[in-house]
Each structure stands twice: as structure tokens, then as C-alpha cells.
N, C-alpha and C. Protein backbone atom coordinates (compact mmCIF):
# COMPACT_ATOMS: atom_id res chain seq x y z
N MET A 1 44.71 -76.82 -169.60
CA MET A 1 45.01 -75.68 -168.75
C MET A 1 46.50 -75.39 -168.86
N SER A 2 46.83 -74.16 -169.01
CA SER A 2 48.24 -73.79 -169.19
C SER A 2 48.96 -73.73 -167.85
N ASN A 3 50.26 -73.80 -167.93
CA ASN A 3 51.07 -73.71 -166.72
C ASN A 3 50.87 -72.38 -166.01
N GLU A 4 50.73 -71.33 -166.81
CA GLU A 4 50.53 -69.99 -166.23
C GLU A 4 49.21 -69.93 -165.45
N SER A 5 48.18 -70.53 -166.01
CA SER A 5 46.87 -70.55 -165.36
C SER A 5 46.93 -71.37 -164.06
N MET A 6 47.61 -72.50 -164.12
CA MET A 6 47.75 -73.33 -162.91
C MET A 6 48.56 -72.60 -161.85
N LEU A 7 49.59 -71.92 -162.27
CA LEU A 7 50.42 -71.16 -161.35
C LEU A 7 49.60 -70.06 -160.67
N MET A 8 48.77 -69.38 -161.43
CA MET A 8 47.92 -68.32 -160.87
C MET A 8 46.94 -68.91 -159.85
N GLN A 9 46.37 -70.07 -160.17
CA GLN A 9 45.44 -70.71 -159.24
C GLN A 9 46.17 -71.12 -157.95
N LEU A 10 47.35 -71.66 -158.10
CA LEU A 10 48.12 -72.06 -156.92
C LEU A 10 48.49 -70.85 -156.07
N GLU A 11 48.86 -69.75 -156.69
CA GLU A 11 49.18 -68.54 -155.94
C GLU A 11 47.94 -68.01 -155.21
N LYS A 12 46.79 -68.09 -155.86
CA LYS A 12 45.54 -67.66 -155.23
C LYS A 12 45.24 -68.54 -154.02
N LEU A 13 45.39 -69.85 -154.19
CA LEU A 13 45.15 -70.77 -153.07
C LEU A 13 46.12 -70.52 -151.92
N LYS A 14 47.38 -70.24 -152.25
CA LYS A 14 48.37 -69.95 -151.22
C LYS A 14 47.97 -68.72 -150.43
N LYS A 15 47.50 -67.68 -151.11
CA LYS A 15 47.05 -66.46 -150.42
C LYS A 15 45.87 -66.76 -149.51
N GLU A 16 44.94 -67.58 -150.00
CA GLU A 16 43.77 -67.94 -149.19
C GLU A 16 44.19 -68.73 -147.95
N ILE A 17 45.14 -69.64 -148.13
CA ILE A 17 45.64 -70.43 -147.00
C ILE A 17 46.34 -69.52 -145.99
N ASP A 18 47.17 -68.61 -146.49
CA ASP A 18 47.87 -67.68 -145.60
C ASP A 18 46.88 -66.82 -144.82
N GLN A 19 45.82 -66.35 -145.49
CA GLN A 19 44.81 -65.54 -144.81
C GLN A 19 44.06 -66.37 -143.77
N ALA A 20 43.78 -67.62 -144.10
CA ALA A 20 43.10 -68.51 -143.14
C ALA A 20 43.97 -68.73 -141.90
N LYS A 21 45.28 -68.85 -142.10
CA LYS A 21 46.18 -69.01 -140.96
C LYS A 21 46.17 -67.76 -140.08
N ILE A 22 46.15 -66.59 -140.71
CA ILE A 22 46.10 -65.33 -139.95
C ILE A 22 44.79 -65.24 -139.18
N ASP A 23 43.68 -65.58 -139.86
CA ASP A 23 42.36 -65.54 -139.21
C ASP A 23 42.31 -66.51 -138.03
N LYS A 24 42.89 -67.68 -138.20
CA LYS A 24 42.90 -68.68 -137.12
C LYS A 24 43.69 -68.16 -135.92
N ALA A 25 44.85 -67.59 -136.19
CA ALA A 25 45.67 -67.05 -135.10
C ALA A 25 44.95 -65.93 -134.37
N THR A 26 44.26 -65.08 -135.12
CA THR A 26 43.50 -63.98 -134.52
C THR A 26 42.38 -64.52 -133.63
N ALA A 27 41.67 -65.51 -134.14
CA ALA A 27 40.57 -66.11 -133.37
C ALA A 27 41.10 -66.78 -132.11
N GLU A 28 42.22 -67.47 -132.21
CA GLU A 28 42.80 -68.12 -131.04
C GLU A 28 43.24 -67.09 -130.00
N GLY A 29 43.78 -65.97 -130.46
CA GLY A 29 44.17 -64.90 -129.55
C GLY A 29 42.98 -64.30 -128.84
N ARG A 30 41.90 -64.10 -129.58
CA ARG A 30 40.68 -63.56 -128.97
C ARG A 30 40.11 -64.52 -127.94
N LEU A 31 40.10 -65.80 -128.30
CA LEU A 31 39.59 -66.81 -127.37
C LEU A 31 40.43 -66.83 -126.10
N ASP A 32 41.74 -66.80 -126.25
CA ASP A 32 42.63 -66.80 -125.09
C ASP A 32 42.35 -65.58 -124.20
N SER A 33 42.19 -64.44 -124.83
CA SER A 33 41.91 -63.21 -124.09
C SER A 33 40.58 -63.30 -123.34
N LEU A 34 39.56 -63.82 -124.02
CA LEU A 34 38.25 -63.95 -123.38
C LEU A 34 38.25 -64.97 -122.24
N MET A 35 39.01 -66.05 -122.40
CA MET A 35 39.10 -67.04 -121.33
C MET A 35 39.81 -66.46 -120.11
N LYS A 36 40.84 -65.65 -120.34
CA LYS A 36 41.52 -64.99 -119.23
C LYS A 36 40.57 -64.02 -118.53
N GLN A 37 39.78 -63.29 -119.32
CA GLN A 37 38.81 -62.35 -118.74
C GLN A 37 37.75 -63.10 -117.93
N LEU A 38 37.30 -64.24 -118.44
CA LEU A 38 36.33 -65.07 -117.72
C LEU A 38 36.89 -65.50 -116.37
N LYS A 39 38.16 -65.87 -116.36
CA LYS A 39 38.82 -66.30 -115.11
C LYS A 39 39.00 -65.11 -114.17
N THR A 40 39.47 -63.98 -114.69
CA THR A 40 39.74 -62.81 -113.87
C THR A 40 38.45 -62.21 -113.31
N ASP A 41 37.47 -62.02 -114.16
CA ASP A 41 36.25 -61.33 -113.75
C ASP A 41 35.29 -62.20 -112.94
N TYR A 42 35.24 -63.51 -113.27
CA TYR A 42 34.23 -64.36 -112.65
C TYR A 42 34.79 -65.60 -111.96
N GLY A 43 36.09 -65.81 -112.04
CA GLY A 43 36.69 -66.98 -111.40
C GLY A 43 36.32 -68.30 -112.05
N LEU A 44 35.96 -68.24 -113.33
CA LEU A 44 35.54 -69.44 -114.04
C LEU A 44 36.61 -69.83 -115.04
N SER A 45 36.87 -71.15 -115.15
CA SER A 45 37.97 -71.62 -115.98
C SER A 45 37.55 -72.25 -117.30
N SER A 46 36.26 -72.41 -117.50
CA SER A 46 35.83 -73.06 -118.75
C SER A 46 34.44 -72.57 -119.15
N ILE A 47 34.10 -72.86 -120.39
CA ILE A 47 32.76 -72.54 -120.89
C ILE A 47 31.71 -73.34 -120.12
N ALA A 48 32.03 -74.59 -119.81
CA ALA A 48 31.09 -75.43 -119.06
C ALA A 48 30.78 -74.83 -117.69
N GLU A 49 31.83 -74.33 -117.01
CA GLU A 49 31.61 -73.68 -115.72
C GLU A 49 30.76 -72.42 -115.88
N ALA A 50 31.01 -71.67 -116.93
CA ALA A 50 30.24 -70.45 -117.18
C ALA A 50 28.77 -70.77 -117.45
N GLU A 51 28.52 -71.84 -118.20
CA GLU A 51 27.14 -72.24 -118.48
C GLU A 51 26.42 -72.66 -117.20
N LYS A 52 27.10 -73.40 -116.34
CA LYS A 52 26.51 -73.80 -115.06
C LYS A 52 26.20 -72.58 -114.21
N GLU A 53 27.13 -71.64 -114.17
CA GLU A 53 26.93 -70.42 -113.39
C GLU A 53 25.77 -69.60 -113.95
N LEU A 54 25.67 -69.53 -115.26
CA LEU A 54 24.58 -68.81 -115.90
C LEU A 54 23.23 -69.43 -115.54
N THR A 55 23.17 -70.75 -115.57
CA THR A 55 21.93 -71.45 -115.20
C THR A 55 21.57 -71.16 -113.75
N LYS A 56 22.55 -71.23 -112.87
CA LYS A 56 22.32 -70.96 -111.45
C LYS A 56 21.82 -69.54 -111.23
N LEU A 57 22.47 -68.58 -111.86
CA LEU A 57 22.08 -67.18 -111.68
C LEU A 57 20.71 -66.89 -112.29
N THR A 58 20.42 -67.53 -113.41
CA THR A 58 19.10 -67.35 -114.03
C THR A 58 18.00 -67.87 -113.11
N GLU A 59 18.23 -69.03 -112.52
CA GLU A 59 17.25 -69.58 -111.57
C GLU A 59 17.10 -68.67 -110.36
N GLU A 60 18.20 -68.11 -109.90
CA GLU A 60 18.16 -67.19 -108.76
C GLU A 60 17.36 -65.93 -109.10
N ILE A 61 17.59 -65.41 -110.28
CA ILE A 61 16.85 -64.21 -110.72
C ILE A 61 15.37 -64.53 -110.82
N ASN A 62 15.03 -65.67 -111.40
CA ASN A 62 13.62 -66.05 -111.53
C ASN A 62 12.96 -66.20 -110.16
N GLY A 63 13.67 -66.80 -109.22
CA GLY A 63 13.14 -66.94 -107.86
C GLY A 63 12.93 -65.60 -107.19
N ASN A 64 13.90 -64.71 -107.36
CA ASN A 64 13.77 -63.38 -106.78
C ASN A 64 12.63 -62.60 -107.42
N GLN A 65 12.45 -62.78 -108.73
CA GLN A 65 11.35 -62.09 -109.42
C GLN A 65 10.01 -62.57 -108.88
N LYS A 66 9.88 -63.86 -108.63
CA LYS A 66 8.64 -64.40 -108.07
C LYS A 66 8.38 -63.81 -106.68
N LYS A 67 9.44 -63.68 -105.88
CA LYS A 67 9.28 -63.08 -104.55
C LYS A 67 8.82 -61.63 -104.65
N VAL A 68 9.45 -60.89 -105.56
CA VAL A 68 9.08 -59.48 -105.74
C VAL A 68 7.64 -59.37 -106.21
N ASP A 69 7.26 -60.20 -107.16
CA ASP A 69 5.88 -60.19 -107.65
C ASP A 69 4.89 -60.50 -106.53
N GLY A 70 5.22 -61.48 -105.70
CA GLY A 70 4.34 -61.83 -104.59
C GLY A 70 4.23 -60.70 -103.57
N LEU A 71 5.35 -60.09 -103.24
CA LEU A 71 5.34 -58.97 -102.28
C LEU A 71 4.58 -57.77 -102.85
N PHE A 72 4.74 -57.54 -104.14
CA PHE A 72 4.03 -56.42 -104.77
C PHE A 72 2.52 -56.67 -104.74
N ALA A 73 2.12 -57.89 -105.03
CA ALA A 73 0.70 -58.23 -104.98
C ALA A 73 0.16 -58.08 -103.56
N GLU A 74 0.97 -58.47 -102.58
CA GLU A 74 0.58 -58.33 -101.18
C GLU A 74 0.40 -56.85 -100.82
N LEU A 75 1.32 -56.00 -101.28
CA LEU A 75 1.20 -54.57 -101.01
C LEU A 75 -0.05 -53.98 -101.67
N LYS A 76 -0.30 -54.39 -102.90
CA LYS A 76 -1.50 -53.90 -103.61
C LYS A 76 -2.76 -54.25 -102.83
N THR A 77 -2.78 -55.48 -102.31
CA THR A 77 -3.97 -55.94 -101.56
C THR A 77 -4.06 -55.18 -100.22
N LYS A 78 -2.92 -55.05 -99.57
CA LYS A 78 -2.89 -54.43 -98.25
C LYS A 78 -3.28 -52.96 -98.31
N PHE A 79 -2.83 -52.28 -99.34
CA PHE A 79 -3.10 -50.84 -99.42
C PHE A 79 -4.13 -50.49 -100.49
N GLU A 80 -4.82 -51.49 -101.02
CA GLU A 80 -5.93 -51.32 -101.94
C GLU A 80 -5.59 -50.40 -103.11
N TRP A 81 -4.60 -50.75 -103.86
CA TRP A 81 -4.23 -49.98 -105.06
C TRP A 81 -5.14 -50.28 -106.18
């Protein structure tokens, strides 16, 4: 392999590394922004807290849906739909 070929490969790798650094910084900035939004909008400080809150809210929704379904069935029976 010639020196010129090796130099071209090294330059290509350097560009790829530089792009990876840019991509990493962009991703870290997005993550930081989303974590701030999570704190501002929902008062949650971590992904773990958000997952717990999601589980709690999902259970609450499911419970409310069961209540609505039961009340609807009661209305259907009461008013003979």
C-alpha cells in the first residue's frame, strides 16, 4: 500500500471521527433538552421516574376504562338499549 493511499484512508477516518463527534454532541444536546422538558412539563428528573409515572397512569386509565364500561353496561340494562 502506498503512502498516498494510507494518507487518504487516514484522512477519511479522521472525517468519520469528526462527524461522529458532531453527531455525539448533537445527541447529547437533544437529550439534555428533552430531560429539561421532562422536568419542566412533568416534574420528573429521570427516565426511571418517567417509566414509573407511565405505569401508574396506564393503570389509572385501565381502571377508569373498566368503570366506564361497567357504567355503560348498567345504563344499557337500565334503559334497555
